[in-house]
């Protein structure tokens, strides 16, 4: 008798990677597949503390022993380290029914070797937009043309030789993480996607957003499944799930939002990875205060192990009591869905941008510090028109008066924050962005509904995975 299909998910160890792969797992389980998600021990302990009573007949979360318990910040170091390999092997051996397929975060370059030992296919899962995956495939071209490793003075070079890249795309727009890498490191990054080995590439994006880049990826020989937006919305039940969070969330902020005028609140969140400097913290705070808008600000950490709350300007919380709220973590999907939220100040992490598109909230884009956040910034502002960049012009007097703490490309950050909020929320230019966001919201709902392109792609993936158990 044939064993039923059993899919094992192996996410990267960051919140923005765990949430969408959990949603993928739940969607597959709702279609009748056995699904197990293996979390490294450091993540699993946090998960179990927060979700003590989570249980599902077909969707399970298991602990994977992790020899690399240290927090490895560097991407290239982490992707080549095999600290979780033995733990993953042990998990695959003991699981019942036996695994028939492995879906790994694309950042792990070595998981294909593990799948080969069990003679099962390995799919890669990407939380990055198709444009980032496409550029990753073309790293050899960029190396061959001498554009990488990056040399100062070449940032304005047009990237018009890669099919599927938007018009006006320049070297400075490729993922910022690539720009600081050596040749050997870039070759490791390029190996993340190998069409000769992967059974397919599952991407948390939509064909409506990235048709040209997705078509170009398919032309590279990859079997591509664009199944986004996949973060908190269950495909079958339309129920919002919050059981993938690795952080304790402040649910009281939702009740606070209930008391705010519709479309008035500025939501500020810079993801689970990047940290602001103390100077940046103070600049953002002063900009929010000067804007006059109510705000909800998620403050995770400050560079240099400085306590985030003490890094705020003196008297800031007292002066803004009632008008503003500062929390350590928030249920972002629920916050962005709240009718009182009218602006999202974001670092341009792709998962956050997708959540904003799903809810129709316009973005004020800033702080693209790592990974491909600058690439997402480029397409969100110039290609999709759903975000405004911070205002960058300032008088010489303003610059001199405010140079003591922070600068954003020629303008003190506090003034850019204030001006950006006012432009997005109170001008015709901002209204145009809002209208574009509402159209994008409708587009996202269209692709995700039954018969939509993303739902069809998920169905195709399900059929392929189900057949692995036959």
Protein backbone atom coordinates (compact mmCIF):
# COMPACT_ATOMS: atom_id res chain seq x y z
CA UNK A 1 0.00 0.00 0.00
CA UNK A 2 1.39 3.41 -0.95
CA UNK A 3 2.43 5.79 1.81
CA UNK A 4 0.53 9.10 1.97
CA UNK A 5 2.35 12.24 0.96
CA UNK A 6 4.22 13.86 3.84
CA UNK A 7 5.78 17.29 3.27
CA UNK A 8 8.54 18.58 5.56
CA UNK A 9 9.08 22.34 5.76
CA UNK A 10 12.43 23.79 6.81
CA UNK A 11 12.30 27.59 7.30
CA UNK A 12 15.09 30.09 7.78
CA UNK A 13 15.41 31.22 11.38
CA UNK A 14 13.77 34.64 11.16
CA UNK A 15 10.17 35.68 11.81
CA UNK A 16 9.68 37.05 8.29
CA UNK A 17 10.63 33.64 6.86
CA UNK A 18 8.72 31.49 9.37
CA UNK A 19 5.33 33.19 9.00
CA UNK A 20 4.79 32.63 5.24
CA UNK A 21 6.09 29.04 5.28
CA UNK A 22 3.69 28.29 8.15
CA UNK A 23 0.88 29.65 5.99
CA UNK A 24 2.03 27.45 3.11
CA UNK A 25 2.07 24.43 5.41
CA UNK A 26 -1.41 25.13 6.71
CA UNK A 27 -2.74 25.58 3.18
CA UNK A 28 -1.29 22.21 2.15
CA UNK A 29 -2.59 20.53 5.32
CA UNK A 30 -6.06 21.93 4.63
CA UNK A 31 -5.89 20.15 1.29
CA UNK A 32 -5.19 16.85 3.02
CA UNK A 33 -1.40 16.51 3.06
CA UNK A 34 0.60 15.56 6.13
CA UNK A 35 2.84 18.56 6.88
CA UNK A 36 5.64 18.86 9.43
CA UNK A 37 7.55 22.09 10.02
CA UNK A 38 10.99 21.65 11.56
CA UNK A 39 12.18 24.59 13.64
CA UNK A 40 15.77 24.87 14.91
CA UNK A 41 15.93 24.50 18.70
CA UNK A 42 16.50 28.20 19.35
CA UNK A 43 13.30 29.09 17.47
CA UNK A 44 11.31 26.12 18.72
CA UNK A 45 11.75 27.11 22.37
CA UNK A 46 10.37 30.59 21.65
CA UNK A 47 7.53 29.11 19.62
CA UNK A 48 6.45 26.71 22.37
CA UNK A 49 6.51 29.39 25.07
CA UNK A 50 4.09 31.52 23.06
CA UNK A 51 1.95 28.74 21.52
CA UNK A 52 1.59 26.14 24.28
CA UNK A 53 -1.73 24.73 23.11
CA UNK A 54 -1.44 24.87 19.33
CA UNK A 55 -2.43 21.54 17.76
CA UNK A 56 -3.56 20.39 14.34
CA UNK A 57 -4.34 16.93 12.98
CA UNK A 58 -2.25 17.31 9.82
CA UNK A 59 0.08 20.22 10.61
CA UNK A 60 2.83 19.60 13.16
CA UNK A 61 5.79 21.60 14.44
CA UNK A 62 8.90 19.69 15.50
CA UNK A 63 12.22 20.67 17.06
CA UNK A 64 15.48 20.29 15.12
CA UNK A 65 18.73 20.10 17.05
CA UNK A 66 20.92 23.05 16.17
CA UNK A 67 24.67 22.88 16.69
CA UNK A 68 24.95 26.52 15.61
CA UNK A 69 23.18 27.95 18.62
CA UNK A 70 25.09 31.21 18.23
CA UNK A 71 23.32 33.97 16.33
CA UNK A 72 25.12 33.97 12.98
CA UNK A 73 24.47 37.40 11.49
CA UNK A 74 26.29 36.99 8.20
CA UNK A 75 24.17 35.46 5.46
CA UNK A 76 26.97 33.69 3.59
CA UNK A 77 28.46 32.23 6.77
CA UNK A 78 25.06 30.93 7.79
CA UNK A 79 24.04 29.35 4.47
CA UNK A 80 27.19 27.24 4.26
CA UNK A 81 27.23 26.20 7.91
CA UNK A 82 25.54 22.84 8.45
CA UNK A 83 24.74 23.21 12.13
CA UNK A 84 21.20 21.90 11.70
CA UNK A 85 22.03 19.14 9.20
CA UNK A 86 22.26 16.31 11.73
CA UNK A 87 19.10 17.51 13.44
CA UNK A 88 17.24 17.59 10.13
CA UNK A 89 18.50 14.11 9.25
CA UNK A 90 17.30 12.74 12.60
CA UNK A 91 13.90 14.36 12.12
CA UNK A 92 13.46 12.87 8.64
CA UNK A 93 14.42 9.41 9.93
CA UNK A 94 11.87 9.35 12.76
CA UNK A 95 8.90 10.99 11.06
CA UNK A 96 5.86 8.86 10.26
CA UNK A 97 4.57 8.52 7.67
CA UNK A 98 7.99 8.80 6.01
CA UNK A 99 8.66 12.16 4.32
CA UNK A 100 8.01 12.24 0.60
CA UNK A 101 9.14 15.81 -0.07
CA UNK A 102 11.22 18.57 1.49
CA UNK A 103 10.48 22.29 1.10
CA UNK A 104 13.42 24.34 2.34
CA UNK A 105 14.02 28.06 2.59
CA UNK A 106 16.12 29.01 -0.42
CA UNK A 107 18.87 30.41 1.82
CA UNK A 108 20.01 26.92 2.78
CA UNK A 109 22.33 25.74 0.02
CA UNK A 110 22.98 22.27 1.49
CA UNK A 111 19.46 20.92 2.03
CA UNK A 112 19.37 19.38 -1.46
CA UNK A 113 22.13 17.00 -0.27
CA UNK A 114 19.90 15.88 2.60
CA UNK A 115 16.96 15.31 0.26
CA UNK A 116 19.18 13.25 -2.04
CA UNK A 117 20.10 10.94 0.85
CA UNK A 118 16.40 10.12 1.25
CA UNK A 119 15.72 10.06 -2.51
CA UNK A 120 13.00 12.68 -2.14
CA UNK A 121 12.55 15.90 -4.13
CA UNK A 122 13.52 19.25 -2.65
CA UNK A 123 11.62 22.44 -3.43
CA UNK A 124 12.96 25.86 -2.48
CA UNK A 125 10.74 28.41 -0.75
CA UNK A 126 11.46 32.11 -1.21
CA UNK A 127 10.11 35.00 0.83
CA UNK A 128 11.83 37.39 -1.56
CA UNK A 129 10.13 38.93 -4.62
CA UNK A 130 10.67 37.34 -8.01
CA UNK A 131 12.97 40.20 -9.03
CA UNK A 132 15.41 39.27 -6.23
CA UNK A 133 15.37 35.60 -7.20
CA UNK A 134 15.93 36.59 -10.83
CA UNK A 135 18.96 38.73 -9.99
CA UNK A 136 20.32 35.86 -7.90
CA UNK A 137 20.16 33.65 -11.00
CA UNK A 138 22.10 36.28 -12.97
CA UNK A 139 24.95 36.83 -10.52
CA UNK A 140 27.28 34.98 -12.95
CA UNK A 141 26.33 37.53 -15.66
CA UNK A 142 27.02 40.44 -13.31
CA UNK A 143 30.38 38.91 -12.41
CA UNK A 144 31.22 38.29 -16.07
CA UNK A 145 30.48 41.90 -17.01
CA UNK A 146 32.68 43.20 -14.20
CA UNK A 147 29.74 44.84 -12.40
CA UNK A 148 30.27 42.64 -9.36
CA UNK A 149 32.08 42.75 -7.03
CA UNK A 150 30.79 46.30 -6.76
CA UNK A 151 33.13 49.20 -7.48
CA UNK A 152 32.26 52.73 -6.27
CA UNK A 153 31.25 54.99 -9.12
CA UNK A 154 29.34 52.29 -11.03
CA UNK A 155 26.09 52.44 -9.06
CA UNK A 156 24.18 54.25 -11.84
CA UNK A 157 24.99 51.57 -14.45
CA UNK A 158 21.77 50.42 -16.13
CA UNK A 159 20.87 46.75 -15.71
CA UNK A 160 19.08 46.35 -19.05
CA UNK A 161 20.59 43.03 -20.10
CA UNK A 162 18.62 40.79 -17.71
CA UNK A 163 15.21 39.79 -19.13
CA UNK A 164 12.38 40.50 -16.69
CA UNK A 165 14.07 43.39 -14.85
CA UNK A 166 11.99 46.61 -14.73
CA UNK A 167 12.98 49.59 -16.87
CA UNK A 168 15.21 52.09 -15.12
CA UNK A 169 16.79 49.42 -12.93
CA UNK A 170 20.36 50.32 -11.97
CA UNK A 171 23.23 48.52 -10.31
CA UNK A 172 22.47 50.33 -7.04
CA UNK A 173 19.02 48.70 -7.11
CA UNK A 174 20.23 45.10 -6.96
CA UNK A 175 20.05 43.64 -3.42
CA UNK A 176 22.25 45.69 -1.14
CA UNK A 177 23.62 42.49 0.35
CA UNK A 178 25.19 41.62 -3.02
CA UNK A 179 26.98 44.96 -3.31
CA UNK A 180 29.34 44.33 -0.42
CA UNK A 181 30.31 40.78 -1.33
CA UNK A 182 33.48 39.22 -2.70
CA UNK A 183 33.52 37.00 -5.78
CA UNK A 184 33.61 33.81 -3.71
CA UNK A 185 30.71 34.96 -1.54
CA UNK A 186 28.65 35.93 -4.59
CA UNK A 187 29.16 32.47 -6.09
CA UNK A 188 27.78 30.94 -2.89
CA UNK A 189 24.72 33.20 -3.09
CA UNK A 190 24.24 32.27 -6.76
CA UNK A 191 24.18 28.59 -5.78
CA UNK A 192 20.98 29.10 -3.79
CA UNK A 193 18.96 28.53 -6.95
CA UNK A 194 20.07 25.69 -9.21
CA UNK A 195 17.53 24.71 -11.85
CA UNK A 196 19.40 21.45 -12.41
CA UNK A 197 18.64 20.27 -8.87
CA UNK A 198 15.55 21.93 -7.41
CA UNK A 199 12.18 20.33 -8.04
CA UNK A 200 10.66 23.79 -8.04
CA UNK A 201 10.69 27.28 -6.57
CA UNK A 202 7.74 28.34 -4.42
CA UNK A 203 7.62 32.14 -4.13
CA UNK A 204 5.56 34.32 -1.83
CA UNK A 205 4.60 36.69 -4.63
CA UNK A 206 1.89 37.07 -7.25
CA UNK A 207 1.79 36.93 -11.03
CA UNK A 208 -0.21 40.17 -11.03
CA UNK A 209 2.71 41.98 -9.34
CA UNK A 210 5.68 40.39 -11.07
CA UNK A 211 4.62 38.76 -14.33
CA UNK A 212 7.76 39.65 -16.30
CA UNK A 213 10.19 38.57 -13.59
CA UNK A 214 8.29 35.32 -13.01
CA UNK A 215 8.27 34.53 -16.73
CA UNK A 216 12.01 35.22 -16.86
CA UNK A 217 12.59 32.86 -13.91
CA UNK A 218 10.65 30.14 -15.71
CA UNK A 219 12.82 30.73 -18.78
CA UNK A 220 15.84 29.96 -16.57
CA UNK A 221 14.53 26.40 -16.29
CA UNK A 222 12.94 26.71 -12.85
CA UNK A 223 9.47 25.32 -12.16
CA UNK A 224 7.99 28.37 -10.45
CA UNK A 225 4.96 28.46 -8.16
CA UNK A 226 3.91 32.04 -7.25
CA UNK A 227 1.53 31.40 -4.34
CA UNK A 228 1.46 34.79 -2.59
CA UNK A 229 0.35 36.70 -0.73
CA UNK A 230 0.89 34.01 1.90
CA UNK A 231 1.44 35.30 5.40
CA UNK A 232 -1.52 35.06 7.81
CA UNK A 233 -4.56 34.35 5.68
CA UNK A 234 -5.69 30.74 5.53
CA UNK A 235 -6.56 29.80 1.96
CA UNK A 236 -9.41 27.44 2.76
CA UNK A 237 -11.14 29.00 5.77
CA UNK A 238 -10.30 32.69 5.25
CA UNK A 239 -9.38 32.64 8.94
CA UNK A 240 -6.59 34.80 10.31
CA UNK A 241 -3.98 32.70 12.12
CA UNK A 242 -1.43 34.03 14.57
CA UNK A 243 0.32 30.80 15.55
CA UNK A 244 3.59 31.40 13.71
CA UNK A 245 4.77 34.37 15.76
CA UNK A 246 8.07 33.98 17.60
CA UNK A 247 7.48 37.13 19.68
CA UNK A 248 5.00 38.06 22.39
CA UNK A 249 2.63 40.57 20.82
CA UNK A 250 0.91 43.54 22.39
CA UNK A 251 -2.77 42.88 21.67
CA UNK A 252 -3.78 45.96 23.69
CA UNK A 253 -2.62 48.13 20.80
CA UNK A 254 -5.63 46.91 18.78
CA UNK A 255 -7.98 48.25 21.44
CA UNK A 256 -6.05 51.51 21.39
CA UNK A 257 -6.51 51.67 17.61
CA UNK A 258 -10.27 51.29 18.12
CA UNK A 259 -10.31 54.74 19.71
CA UNK A 260 -8.48 56.53 16.88
CA UNK A 261 -10.10 58.30 13.89
CA UNK A 262 -10.32 56.34 10.65
CA UNK A 263 -7.20 56.55 8.49
CA UNK A 264 -5.35 58.75 10.98
CA UNK A 265 -2.74 56.48 12.59
CA UNK A 266 0.86 56.21 11.40
CA UNK A 267 2.08 52.65 11.97
CA UNK A 268 5.88 52.38 12.29
CA UNK A 269 7.69 49.03 12.15
CA UNK A 270 11.10 48.07 10.80
CA UNK A 271 10.91 44.28 10.95
CA UNK A 272 12.49 41.68 13.20
CA UNK A 273 16.12 42.00 12.09
CA UNK A 274 17.38 45.55 11.66
CA UNK A 275 18.15 47.85 14.59
CA UNK A 276 18.17 51.63 14.56
CA UNK A 277 20.96 53.65 16.08
CA UNK A 278 20.10 55.76 19.11
CA UNK A 279 20.38 58.81 16.89
CA UNK A 280 17.94 57.36 14.34
CA UNK A 281 15.53 56.44 17.14
CA UNK A 282 15.48 60.02 18.37
CA UNK A 283 15.08 61.41 14.87
CA UNK A 284 12.13 59.13 14.10
CA UNK A 285 10.54 60.05 17.43
CA UNK A 286 10.86 63.78 16.81
CA UNK A 287 9.51 63.40 13.28
CA UNK A 288 6.48 61.47 14.50
CA UNK A 289 5.81 64.04 17.20
CA UNK A 290 6.10 66.96 14.78
CA UNK A 291 3.72 65.34 12.27
CA UNK A 292 0.77 65.82 14.60
CA UNK A 293 -0.64 62.39 13.69
CA UNK A 294 -1.46 59.60 16.16
CA UNK A 295 1.09 56.81 15.85
CA UNK A 296 1.75 53.19 16.80
CA UNK A 297 5.48 52.44 16.85
CA UNK A 298 7.02 48.98 17.17
CA UNK A 299 10.46 49.36 18.77
CA UNK A 300 12.48 46.14 18.83
CA UNK A 301 16.06 47.05 19.62
CA UNK A 302 18.73 49.70 19.31
CA UNK A 303 22.27 49.22 18.02
CA UNK A 304 24.90 48.89 20.72
CA UNK A 305 22.61 47.05 23.19
CA UNK A 306 21.00 50.33 24.24
CA UNK A 307 17.58 49.91 25.84
CA UNK A 308 15.07 50.99 23.21
CA UNK A 309 12.79 52.92 25.53
CA UNK A 310 15.62 54.88 27.17
CA UNK A 311 16.88 55.79 23.69
CA UNK A 312 13.75 57.89 23.10
CA UNK A 313 14.07 61.66 23.52
CA UNK A 314 13.57 62.97 27.03
CA UNK A 315 9.88 63.52 27.75
CA UNK A 316 8.76 61.98 24.45
CA UNK A 317 6.41 59.39 25.94
CA UNK A 318 4.90 61.87 28.40
CA UNK A 319 4.28 64.50 25.72
CA UNK A 320 2.63 61.99 23.41
CA UNK A 321 0.64 59.99 25.95
CA UNK A 322 -2.72 59.18 24.40
CA UNK A 323 -1.68 60.31 20.90
CA UNK A 324 1.09 57.77 20.45
CA UNK A 325 1.83 54.24 21.58
CA UNK A 326 5.23 52.50 21.67
CA UNK A 327 5.25 48.67 21.86
CA UNK A 328 7.89 45.94 21.59
CA UNK A 329 5.92 43.83 19.09
CA UNK A 330 2.50 43.99 17.44
CA UNK A 331 0.23 41.67 15.41
CA UNK A 332 1.13 43.42 12.16
CA UNK A 333 -1.49 41.87 9.88
CA UNK A 334 -4.24 42.85 12.32
CA UNK A 335 -2.79 46.33 12.77
CA UNK A 336 -2.59 47.00 9.03
CA UNK A 337 -6.15 45.69 8.62
CA UNK A 338 -7.48 48.14 11.20
CA UNK A 339 -9.48 51.02 9.67
CA UNK A 340 -7.72 53.64 11.81
CA UNK A 341 -4.33 52.98 10.17
CA UNK A 342 -3.60 55.34 7.28
CA UNK A 343 0.17 55.15 6.78
CA UNK A 344 2.88 52.53 7.21
CA UNK A 345 6.49 53.67 7.75
CA UNK A 346 8.42 50.59 6.65
CA UNK A 347 11.93 49.25 6.06
CA UNK A 348 10.65 47.66 2.80
CA UNK A 349 10.97 44.06 3.86
CA UNK A 350 8.98 42.18 1.23
CA UNK A 351 6.65 40.38 3.65
CA UNK A 352 5.72 43.73 5.20
CA UNK A 353 5.10 45.28 1.79
CA UNK A 354 2.84 42.37 0.83
CA UNK A 355 0.85 42.85 4.02
CA UNK A 356 0.45 46.53 3.21
CA UNK A 357 -0.72 45.69 -0.32
CA UNK A 358 -3.19 43.14 1.04
CA UNK A 359 -4.71 45.75 3.35
CA UNK A 360 -4.40 48.75 1.02
CA UNK A 361 -2.24 50.82 3.40
CA UNK A 362 0.16 53.28 1.68
CA UNK A 363 3.84 53.08 2.60
CA UNK A 364 6.39 55.70 3.55
CA UNK A 365 9.58 53.90 2.55
CA UNK A 366 12.83 54.25 4.46
CA UNK A 367 15.64 52.40 6.30
CA UNK A 368 16.46 49.88 3.60
CA UNK A 369 19.59 48.64 5.36
CA UNK A 370 20.06 44.96 4.55
CA UNK A 371 19.17 42.07 2.25
CA UNK A 372 17.06 43.17 -0.74
CA UNK A 373 15.20 45.97 1.02
CA UNK A 374 16.61 48.53 -1.44
CA UNK A 375 15.33 46.41 -4.34
CA UNK A 376 11.85 46.25 -2.80
CA UNK A 377 12.08 50.01 -2.17
CA UNK A 378 12.77 50.54 -5.88
CA UNK A 379 9.83 48.50 -7.17
CA UNK A 380 7.41 49.66 -4.47
CA UNK A 381 8.06 53.34 -5.20
CA UNK A 382 8.83 53.44 -8.94
CA UNK A 383 7.24 50.31 -10.40
CA UNK A 384 4.11 49.71 -8.32
CA UNK A 385 3.50 53.23 -7.03
CA UNK A 386 2.39 52.07 -3.57
CA UNK A 387 5.06 53.91 -1.57
CA UNK A 388 6.59 57.34 -1.27
CA UNK A 389 10.29 57.73 -0.49
CA UNK A 390 11.20 60.14 2.27
CA UNK A 391 11.44 63.75 1.12
CA UNK A 392 15.11 64.47 0.52
CA UNK A 393 15.42 68.25 -0.03
CA UNK A 394 16.31 70.66 2.75
CA UNK A 395 17.59 74.20 3.08
CA UNK A 396 21.18 74.80 4.13
CA UNK A 397 19.90 76.39 7.35
CA UNK A 398 17.79 73.35 8.21
CA UNK A 399 20.74 71.06 7.58
CA UNK A 400 23.04 73.15 9.77
CA UNK A 401 20.51 73.37 12.60
CA UNK A 402 19.78 69.65 12.63
CA UNK A 403 23.11 68.09 11.66
CA UNK A 404 23.83 67.08 15.25
CA UNK A 405 21.66 63.98 15.09
CA UNK A 406 20.92 62.10 11.90
CA UNK A 407 20.77 62.84 8.21
CA UNK A 408 18.78 61.25 5.41
CA UNK A 409 20.47 61.91 2.06
CA UNK A 410 20.88 65.63 2.65
CA UNK A 411 17.90 66.24 4.95
CA UNK A 412 17.70 65.71 8.71
CA UNK A 413 15.74 62.54 9.29
CA UNK A 414 13.22 64.13 11.65
CA UNK A 415 12.22 66.64 8.97
CA UNK A 416 11.99 63.90 6.34
CA UNK A 417 9.72 61.84 8.58
CA UNK A 418 7.48 64.81 9.34
CA UNK A 419 7.30 65.97 5.72
CA UNK A 420 6.80 62.44 4.40
CA UNK A 421 3.86 61.77 6.71
CA UNK A 422 2.21 65.06 5.79
CA UNK A 423 2.77 64.47 2.07
CA UNK A 424 1.35 60.95 2.17
CA UNK A 425 -1.66 61.78 4.34
CA UNK A 426 -2.60 65.33 3.31
CA UNK A 427 -1.66 66.01 -0.33
CA UNK A 428 -2.93 65.03 -3.75
CA UNK A 429 0.30 63.12 -4.37
CA UNK A 430 -0.42 61.09 -1.25
CA UNK A 431 -4.02 60.57 -2.34
CA UNK A 432 -2.77 59.16 -5.66
CA UNK A 433 -0.66 56.63 -3.76
CA UNK A 434 -3.67 55.73 -1.60
CA UNK A 435 -5.79 55.12 -4.70
CA UNK A 436 -3.06 52.93 -6.17
CA UNK A 437 -2.87 50.96 -2.92
CA UNK A 438 -6.62 50.36 -2.93
CA UNK A 439 -6.35 49.06 -6.50
CA UNK A 440 -3.50 46.78 -5.40
CA UNK A 441 -5.64 45.57 -2.51
CA UNK A 442 -8.34 44.56 -4.99
CA UNK A 443 -5.72 42.87 -7.18
CA UNK A 444 -4.34 40.90 -4.22
CA UNK A 445 -7.82 39.66 -3.30
CA UNK A 446 -8.42 38.70 -6.92
CA UNK A 447 -5.33 36.50 -7.26
CA UNK A 448 -5.93 34.85 -3.87
CA UNK A 449 -9.57 33.92 -4.37
CA UNK A 450 -10.75 30.59 -5.77
CA UNK A 451 -9.75 30.51 -9.42
CA UNK A 452 -7.20 33.31 -8.99
CA UNK A 453 -3.67 32.91 -10.32
CA UNK A 454 -2.05 32.32 -6.93
CA UNK A 455 -4.71 29.85 -5.86
CA UNK A 456 -4.27 27.98 -9.15
CA UNK A 457 -0.51 27.89 -8.58
CA UNK A 458 -1.03 26.50 -5.09
CA UNK A 459 -3.34 23.83 -6.51
CA UNK A 460 -0.68 22.82 -9.04
CA UNK A 461 1.89 22.54 -6.26
CA UNK A 462 -0.52 20.46 -4.17
CA UNK A 463 -1.08 18.00 -7.03
CA UNK A 464 2.67 17.59 -7.54
CA UNK A 465 3.28 17.04 -3.82
CA UNK A 466 0.36 14.63 -3.47
CA UNK A 467 1.70 12.50 -6.29
CA UNK A 468 4.99 12.08 -4.38
CA UNK A 469 3.12 9.82 -1.97
CA UNK A 470 1.70 7.60 -4.69
